[in-house]
Amino acid sequence: MSIICITGPMAAGKNYICSQYEKQGWLSIDADKTVHKAIEIATPAIKKAFSEDAKKANLELLNKDGSLN
């Protein structure tokens, strides 16, 4: 089994390259999407853990839509 990691700056063509590999039968996992989903799931725990610190620092922990700032 082979694993290939595609990395690079924004707009470098990573998604395009991954789509080309997928056409050849490779599995592609988008780590950005995965971590954003994990943050979404963990937002209540993050809010609980850091809300007091954020308040003391006069920072908004959540955006108006409830997502993590």
PDB file of N, CA and C in Angstrom:
ATOM      1  N   MET A   1       0.838  -1.168   0.000  1.00  0.00           N
ATOM      2  CA  MET A   1       0.000   0.000   0.000  1.00  0.00           C
ATOM      3  C   MET A   1       0.887   1.237   0.000  1.00  0.00           C
ATOM      4  N   SER A   2       0.494   2.230  -0.773  1.00  0.00           N
ATOM      5  CA  SER A   2       1.223   3.494  -0.833  1.00  0.00           C
ATOM      6  C   SER A   2       0.359   4.614  -0.285  1.00  0.00           C
ATOM      7  N   ILE A   3       0.998   5.564   0.371  1.00  0.00           N
ATOM      8  CA  ILE A   3       0.325   6.764   0.854  1.00  0.00           C
ATOM      9  C   ILE A   3       1.080   7.959   0.289  1.00  0.00           C
ATOM     10  N   ILE A   4       0.337   8.852  -0.326  1.00  0.00           N
ATOM     11  CA  ILE A   4       0.916  10.072  -0.874  1.00  0.00           C
ATOM     12  C   ILE A   4       0.242  11.243  -0.171  1.00  0.00           C
ATOM     13  N   CYS A   5       1.018  12.156   0.361  1.00  0.00           N
ATOM     14  CA  CYS A   5       0.485  13.362   1.009  1.00  0.00           C
ATOM     15  C   CYS A   5       0.712  14.541   0.080  1.00  0.00           C
ATOM     16  N   ILE A   6      -0.365  15.253  -0.190  1.00  0.00           N
ATOM     17  CA  ILE A   6      -0.301  16.437  -1.041  1.00  0.00           C
ATOM     18  C   ILE A   6      -0.382  17.660  -0.126  1.00  0.00           C
ATOM     19  N   THR A   7       0.632  18.488  -0.128  1.00  0.00           N
ATOM     20  CA  THR A   7       0.646  19.689   0.697  1.00  0.00           C
ATOM     21  C   THR A   7       1.051  20.883  -0.155  1.00  0.00           C
ATOM     22  N   GLY A   8       0.781  22.053   0.363  1.00  0.00           N
ATOM     23  CA  GLY A   8       1.185  23.260  -0.333  1.00  0.00           C
ATOM     24  C   GLY A   8       0.348  24.438   0.106  1.00  0.00           C
ATOM     25  N   PRO A   9       0.696  25.619  -0.377  1.00  0.00           N
ATOM     26  CA  PRO A   9      -0.044  26.823  -0.002  1.00  0.00           C
ATOM     27  C   PRO A   9      -1.432  26.856  -0.657  1.00  0.00           C
ATOM     28  N   MET A  10      -2.244  27.809  -0.208  1.00  0.00           N
ATOM     29  CA  MET A  10      -3.570  27.987  -0.794  1.00  0.00           C
ATOM     30  C   MET A  10      -3.448  28.210  -2.299  1.00  0.00           C
ATOM     31  N   ALA A  11      -4.420  27.670  -3.024  1.00  0.00           N
ATOM     32  CA  ALA A  11      -4.529  27.855  -4.477  1.00  0.00           C
ATOM     33  C   ALA A  11      -3.338  27.285  -5.242  1.00  0.00           C
ATOM     34  N   ALA A  12      -2.695  26.268  -4.679  1.00  0.00           N
ATOM     35  CA  ALA A  12      -1.541  25.662  -5.350  1.00  0.00           C
ATOM     36  C   ALA A  12      -1.941  24.502  -6.263  1.00  0.00           C
ATOM     37  N   GLY A  13      -3.228  24.093  -6.202  1.00  0.00           N
ATOM     38  CA  GLY A  13      -3.683  22.999  -7.055  1.00  0.00           C
ATOM     39  C   GLY A  13      -3.795  21.662  -6.341  1.00  0.00           C
ATOM     40  N   LYS A  14      -3.792  21.672  -5.020  1.00  0.00           N
ATOM     41  CA  LYS A  14      -3.857  20.408  -4.256  1.00  0.00           C
ATOM     42  C   LYS A  14      -5.148  19.640  -4.554  1.00  0.00           C
ATOM     43  N   ASN A  15      -6.279  20.349  -4.571  1.00  0.00           N
ATOM     44  CA  ASN A  15      -7.554  19.680  -4.834  1.00  0.00           C
ATOM     45  C   ASN A  15      -7.595  19.107  -6.245  1.00  0.00           C
ATOM     46  N   TYR A  16      -7.029  19.820  -7.194  1.00  0.00           N
ATOM     47  CA  TYR A  16      -6.979  19.324  -8.567  1.00  0.00           C
ATOM     48  C   TYR A  16      -6.163  18.039  -8.647  1.00  0.00           C
ATOM     49  N   ILE A  17      -4.993  18.048  -8.042  1.00  0.00           N
ATOM     50  CA  ILE A  17      -4.134  16.857  -8.061  1.00  0.00           C
ATOM     51  C   ILE A  17      -4.852  15.676  -7.404  1.00  0.00           C
ATOM     52  N   CYS A  18      -5.500  15.943  -6.267  1.00  0.00           N
ATOM     53  CA  CYS A  18      -6.231  14.864  -5.589  1.00  0.00           C
ATOM     54  C   CYS A  18      -7.359  14.331  -6.467  1.00  0.00           C
ATOM     55  N   SER A  19      -8.047  15.226  -7.176  1.00  0.00           N
ATOM     56  CA  SER A  19      -9.129  14.761  -8.056  1.00  0.00           C
ATOM     57  C   SER A  19      -8.581  13.882  -9.175  1.00  0.00           C
ATOM     58  N   GLN A  20      -7.389  14.174  -9.652  1.00  0.00           N
ATOM     59  CA  GLN A  20      -6.779  13.349 -10.696  1.00  0.00           C
ATOM     60  C   GLN A  20      -6.415  11.963 -10.156  1.00  0.00           C
ATOM     61  N   TYR A  21      -5.900  11.918  -8.940  1.00  0.00           N
ATOM     62  CA  TYR A  21      -5.614  10.622  -8.303  1.00  0.00           C
ATOM     63  C   TYR A  21      -6.901   9.828  -8.077  1.00  0.00           C
ATOM     64  N   GLU A  22      -7.970  10.532  -7.651  1.00  0.00           N
ATOM     65  CA  GLU A  22      -9.253   9.851  -7.424  1.00  0.00           C
ATOM     66  C   GLU A  22      -9.772   9.216  -8.705  1.00  0.00           C
ATOM     67  N   LYS A  23      -9.591   9.888  -9.839  1.00  0.00           N
ATOM     68  CA  LYS A  23     -10.013   9.329 -11.127  1.00  0.00           C
ATOM     69  C   LYS A  23      -9.276   8.039 -11.439  1.00  0.00           C
ATOM     70  N   GLN A  24      -8.081   7.869 -10.851  1.00  0.00           N
ATOM     71  CA  GLN A  24      -7.296   6.657 -11.062  1.00  0.00           C
ATOM     72  C   GLN A  24      -7.580   5.598  -9.994  1.00  0.00           C
ATOM     73  N   GLY A  25      -8.538   5.903  -9.086  1.00  0.00           N
ATOM     74  CA  GLY A  25      -8.931   4.914  -8.092  1.00  0.00           C
ATOM     75  C   GLY A  25      -8.340   5.106  -6.707  1.00  0.00           C
ATOM     76  N   TRP A  26      -7.571   6.154  -6.508  1.00  0.00           N
ATOM     77  CA  TRP A  26      -6.995   6.424  -5.198  1.00  0.00           C
ATOM     78  C   TRP A  26      -8.054   6.996  -4.263  1.00  0.00           C
ATOM     79  N   LEU A  27      -7.881   6.770  -2.986  1.00  0.00           N
ATOM     80  CA  LEU A  27      -8.720   7.375  -1.954  1.00  0.00           C
ATOM     81  C   LEU A  27      -8.095   8.702  -1.554  1.00  0.00           C
ATOM     82  N   SER A  28      -8.919   9.729  -1.425  1.00  0.00           N
ATOM     83  CA  SER A  28      -8.423  11.042  -1.040  1.00  0.00           C
ATOM     84  C   SER A  28      -9.129  11.481   0.240  1.00  0.00           C
ATOM     85  N   ILE A  29      -8.362  11.950   1.207  1.00  0.00           N
ATOM     86  CA  ILE A  29      -8.905  12.473   2.454  1.00  0.00           C
ATOM     87  C   ILE A  29      -8.467  13.924   2.567  1.00  0.00           C
ATOM     88  N   ASP A  30      -9.445  14.826   2.667  1.00  0.00           N
ATOM     89  CA  ASP A  30      -9.160  16.257   2.781  1.00  0.00           C
ATOM     90  C   ASP A  30      -9.043  16.594   4.268  1.00  0.00           C
ATOM     91  N   ALA A  31      -7.835  16.796   4.747  1.00  0.00           N
ATOM     92  CA  ALA A  31      -7.592  17.062   6.165  1.00  0.00           C
ATOM     93  C   ALA A  31      -8.240  18.370   6.616  1.00  0.00           C
ATOM     94  N   ASP A  32      -8.327  19.361   5.726  1.00  0.00           N
ATOM     95  CA  ASP A  32      -8.985  20.621   6.084  1.00  0.00           C
ATOM     96  C   ASP A  32     -10.444  20.382   6.442  1.00  0.00           C
ATOM     97  N   LYS A  33     -11.156  19.631   5.608  1.00  0.00           N
ATOM     98  CA  LYS A  33     -12.567  19.329   5.885  1.00  0.00           C
ATOM     99  C   LYS A  33     -12.700  18.519   7.167  1.00  0.00           C
ATOM    100  N   THR A  34     -11.786  17.570   7.370  1.00  0.00           N
ATOM    101  CA  THR A  34     -11.833  16.717   8.558  1.00  0.00           C
ATOM    102  C   THR A  34     -11.644  17.524   9.832  1.00  0.00           C
ATOM    103  N   VAL A  35     -10.674  18.419   9.852  1.00  0.00           N
ATOM    104  CA  VAL A  35     -10.413  19.203  11.059  1.00  0.00           C
ATOM    105  C   VAL A  35     -11.527  20.213  11.304  1.00  0.00           C
ATOM    106  N   HIS A  36     -12.102  20.788  10.244  1.00  0.00           N
ATOM    107  CA  HIS A  36     -13.212  21.714  10.433  1.00  0.00           C
ATOM    108  C   HIS A  36     -14.420  20.999  11.047  1.00  0.00           C
ATOM    109  N   LYS A  37     -14.672  19.771  10.624  1.00  0.00           N
ATOM    110  CA  LYS A  37     -15.766  18.986  11.200  1.00  0.00           C
ATOM    111  C   LYS A  37     -15.468  18.663  12.663  1.00  0.00           C
ATOM    112  N   ALA A  38     -14.227  18.312  12.974  1.00  0.00           N
ATOM    113  CA  ALA A  38     -13.841  18.014  14.353  1.00  0.00           C
ATOM    114  C   ALA A  38     -14.021  19.235  15.249  1.00  0.00           C
ATOM    115  N   ILE A  39     -13.648  20.411  14.744  1.00  0.00           N
ATOM    116  CA  ILE A  39     -13.820  21.647  15.514  1.00  0.00           C
ATOM    117  C   ILE A  39     -15.302  21.915  15.744  1.00  0.00           C
ATOM    118  N   GLU A  40     -16.110  21.692  14.718  1.00  0.00           N
ATOM    119  CA  GLU A  40     -17.552  21.889  14.846  1.00  0.00           C
ATOM    120  C   GLU A  40     -18.126  20.986  15.945  1.00  0.00           C
ATOM    121  N   ILE A  41     -17.711  19.742  15.955  1.00  0.00           N
ATOM    122  CA  ILE A  41     -18.173  18.791  16.970  1.00  0.00           C
ATOM    123  C   ILE A  41     -17.670  19.184  18.356  1.00  0.00           C
ATOM    124  N   ALA A  42     -16.441  19.686  18.438  1.00  0.00           N
ATOM    125  CA  ALA A  42     -15.824  20.011  19.726  1.00  0.00           C
ATOM    126  C   ALA A  42     -16.150  21.412  20.233  1.00  0.00           C
ATOM    127  N   THR A  43     -16.854  22.227  19.455  1.00  0.00           N
ATOM    128  CA  THR A  43     -17.120  23.610  19.851  1.00  0.00           C
ATOM    129  C   THR A  43     -17.741  23.729  21.243  1.00  0.00           C
ATOM    130  N   PRO A  44     -18.742  22.924  21.607  1.00  0.00           N
ATOM    131  CA  PRO A  44     -19.284  23.051  22.970  1.00  0.00           C
ATOM    132  C   PRO A  44     -18.225  22.821  24.058  1.00  0.00           C
ATOM    133  N   ALA A  45     -17.359  21.835  23.869  1.00  0.00           N
ATOM    134  CA  ALA A  45     -16.309  21.554  24.860  1.00  0.00           C
ATOM    135  C   ALA A  45     -15.264  22.674  24.875  1.00  0.00           C
ATOM    136  N   ILE A  46     -14.935  23.203  23.702  1.00  0.00           N
ATOM    137  CA  ILE A  46     -13.974  24.306  23.616  1.00  0.00           C
ATOM    138  C   ILE A  46     -14.559  25.538  24.299  1.00  0.00           C
ATOM    139  N   LYS A  47     -15.835  25.793  24.037  1.00  0.00           N
ATOM    140  CA  LYS A  47     -16.508  26.931  24.668  1.00  0.00           C
ATOM    141  C   LYS A  47     -16.483  26.796  26.183  1.00  0.00           C
ATOM    142  N   LYS A  48     -16.798  25.619  26.677  1.00  0.00           N
ATOM    143  CA  LYS A  48     -16.802  25.376  28.124  1.00  0.00           C
ATOM    144  C   LYS A  48     -15.400  25.574  28.709  1.00  0.00           C
ATOM    145  N   ALA A  49     -14.398  25.069  28.034  1.00  0.00           N
ATOM    146  CA  ALA A  49     -13.023  25.114  28.559  1.00  0.00           C
ATOM    147  C   ALA A  49     -12.413  26.517  28.519  1.00  0.00           C
ATOM    148  N   PHE A  50     -12.781  27.315  27.521  1.00  0.00           N
ATOM    149  CA  PHE A  50     -12.076  28.579  27.314  1.00  0.00           C
ATOM    150  C   PHE A  50     -12.932  29.834  27.446  1.00  0.00           C
ATOM    151  N   SER A  51     -14.215  29.710  27.751  1.00  0.00           N
ATOM    152  CA  SER A  51     -15.077  30.895  27.773  1.00  0.00           C
ATOM    153  C   SER A  51     -14.651  31.906  28.832  1.00  0.00           C
ATOM    154  N   GLU A  52     -14.242  31.447  29.995  1.00  0.00           N
ATOM    155  CA  GLU A  52     -13.804  32.380  31.051  1.00  0.00           C
ATOM    156  C   GLU A  52     -12.531  33.120  30.642  1.00  0.00           C
ATOM    157  N   ASP A  53     -11.572  32.401  30.092  1.00  0.00           N
ATOM    158  CA  ASP A  53     -10.333  33.039  29.628  1.00  0.00           C
ATOM    159  C   ASP A  53     -10.619  34.048  28.518  1.00  0.00           C
ATOM    160  N   ALA A  54     -11.511  33.692  27.600  1.00  0.00           N
ATOM    161  CA  ALA A  54     -11.853  34.601  26.514  1.00  0.00           C
ATOM    162  C   ALA A  54     -12.521  35.863  27.063  1.00  0.00           C
ATOM    163  N   LYS A  55     -13.419  35.671  28.023  1.00  0.00           N
ATOM    164  CA  LYS A  55     -14.104  36.820  28.612  1.00  0.00           C
ATOM    165  C   LYS A  55     -13.106  37.749  29.299  1.00  0.00           C
ATOM    166  N   LYS A  56     -12.158  37.180  30.052  1.00  0.00           N
ATOM    167  CA  LYS A  56     -11.136  37.984  30.732  1.00  0.00           C
ATOM    168  C   LYS A  56     -10.272  38.757  29.739  1.00  0.00           C
ATOM    169  N   ALA A  57     -10.026  38.170  28.575  1.00  0.00           N
ATOM    170  CA  ALA A  57      -9.198  38.806  27.553  1.00  0.00           C
ATOM    171  C   ALA A  57     -10.021  39.690  26.613  1.00  0.00           C
ATOM    172  N   ASN A  58     -11.326  39.800  26.917  1.00  0.00           N
ATOM    173  CA  ASN A  58     -12.235  40.598  26.105  1.00  0.00           C
ATOM    174  C   ASN A  58     -12.265  40.118  24.652  1.00  0.00           C
ATOM    175  N   LEU A  59     -12.309  38.790  24.500  1.00  0.00           N
ATOM    176  CA  LEU A  59     -12.356  38.169  23.180  1.00  0.00           C
ATOM    177  C   LEU A  59     -13.692  37.455  22.988  1.00  0.00           C
ATOM    178  N   GLU A  60     -14.192  37.492  21.776  1.00  0.00           N
ATOM    179  CA  GLU A  60     -15.395  36.747  21.434  1.00  0.00           C
ATOM    180  C   GLU A  60     -14.974  35.332  21.013  1.00  0.00           C
ATOM    181  N   LEU A  61     -15.433  34.357  21.753  1.00  0.00           N
ATOM    182  CA  LEU A  61     -15.079  32.968  21.443  1.00  0.00           C
ATOM    183  C   LEU A  61     -15.899  32.428  20.281  1.00  0.00           C
ATOM    184  N   LEU A  62     -17.127  32.918  20.146  1.00  0.00           N
ATOM    185  CA  LEU A  62     -18.011  32.440  19.089  1.00  0.00           C
ATOM    186  C   LEU A  62     -18.389  33.571  18.148  1.00  0.00           C
ATOM    187  N   ASN A  63     -18.603  33.205  16.904  1.00  0.00           N
ATOM    188  CA  ASN A  63     -19.139  34.140  15.930  1.00  0.00           C
ATOM    189  C   ASN A  63     -20.648  34.257  16.134  1.00  0.00           C
ATOM    190  N   LYS A  64     -21.289  35.197  15.466  1.00  0.00           N
ATOM    191  CA  LYS A  64     -22.733  35.410  15.626  1.00  0.00           C
ATOM    192  C   LYS A  64     -23.542  34.177  15.240  1.00  0.00           C
ATOM    193  N   ASP A  65     -23.019  33.364  14.329  1.00  0.00           N
ATOM    194  CA  ASP A  65     -23.740  32.160  13.903  1.00  0.00           C
ATOM    195  C   ASP A  65     -23.498  30.963  14.821  1.00  0.00           C
ATOM    196  N   GLY A  66     -22.714  31.166  15.907  1.00  0.00           N
ATOM    197  CA  GLY A  66     -22.445  30.098  16.857  1.00  0.00           C
ATOM    198  C   GLY A  66     -21.200  29.294  16.562  1.00  0.00           C
ATOM    199  N   SER A  67     -20.554  29.556  15.435  1.00  0.00           N
ATOM    200  CA  SER A  67     -19.329  28.842  15.101  1.00  0.00           C
ATOM    201  C   SER A  67     -18.157  29.417  15.893  1.00  0.00           C
ATOM    202  N   LEU A  68     -17.122  28.623  16.038  1.00  0.00           N
ATOM    203  CA  LEU A  68     -15.934  29.052  16.782  1.00  0.00           C
ATOM    204  C   LEU A  68     -15.221  30.170  16.032  1.00  0.00           C
ATOM    205  N   ASN A  69     -14.860  31.236  16.756  1.00  0.00           N
ATOM    206  CA  ASN A  69     -14.170  32.365  16.154  1.00  0.00           C
ATOM    207  C   ASN A  69     -12.692  32.024  16.045  1.00  0.00           C
TER     208      ASN A  69
END
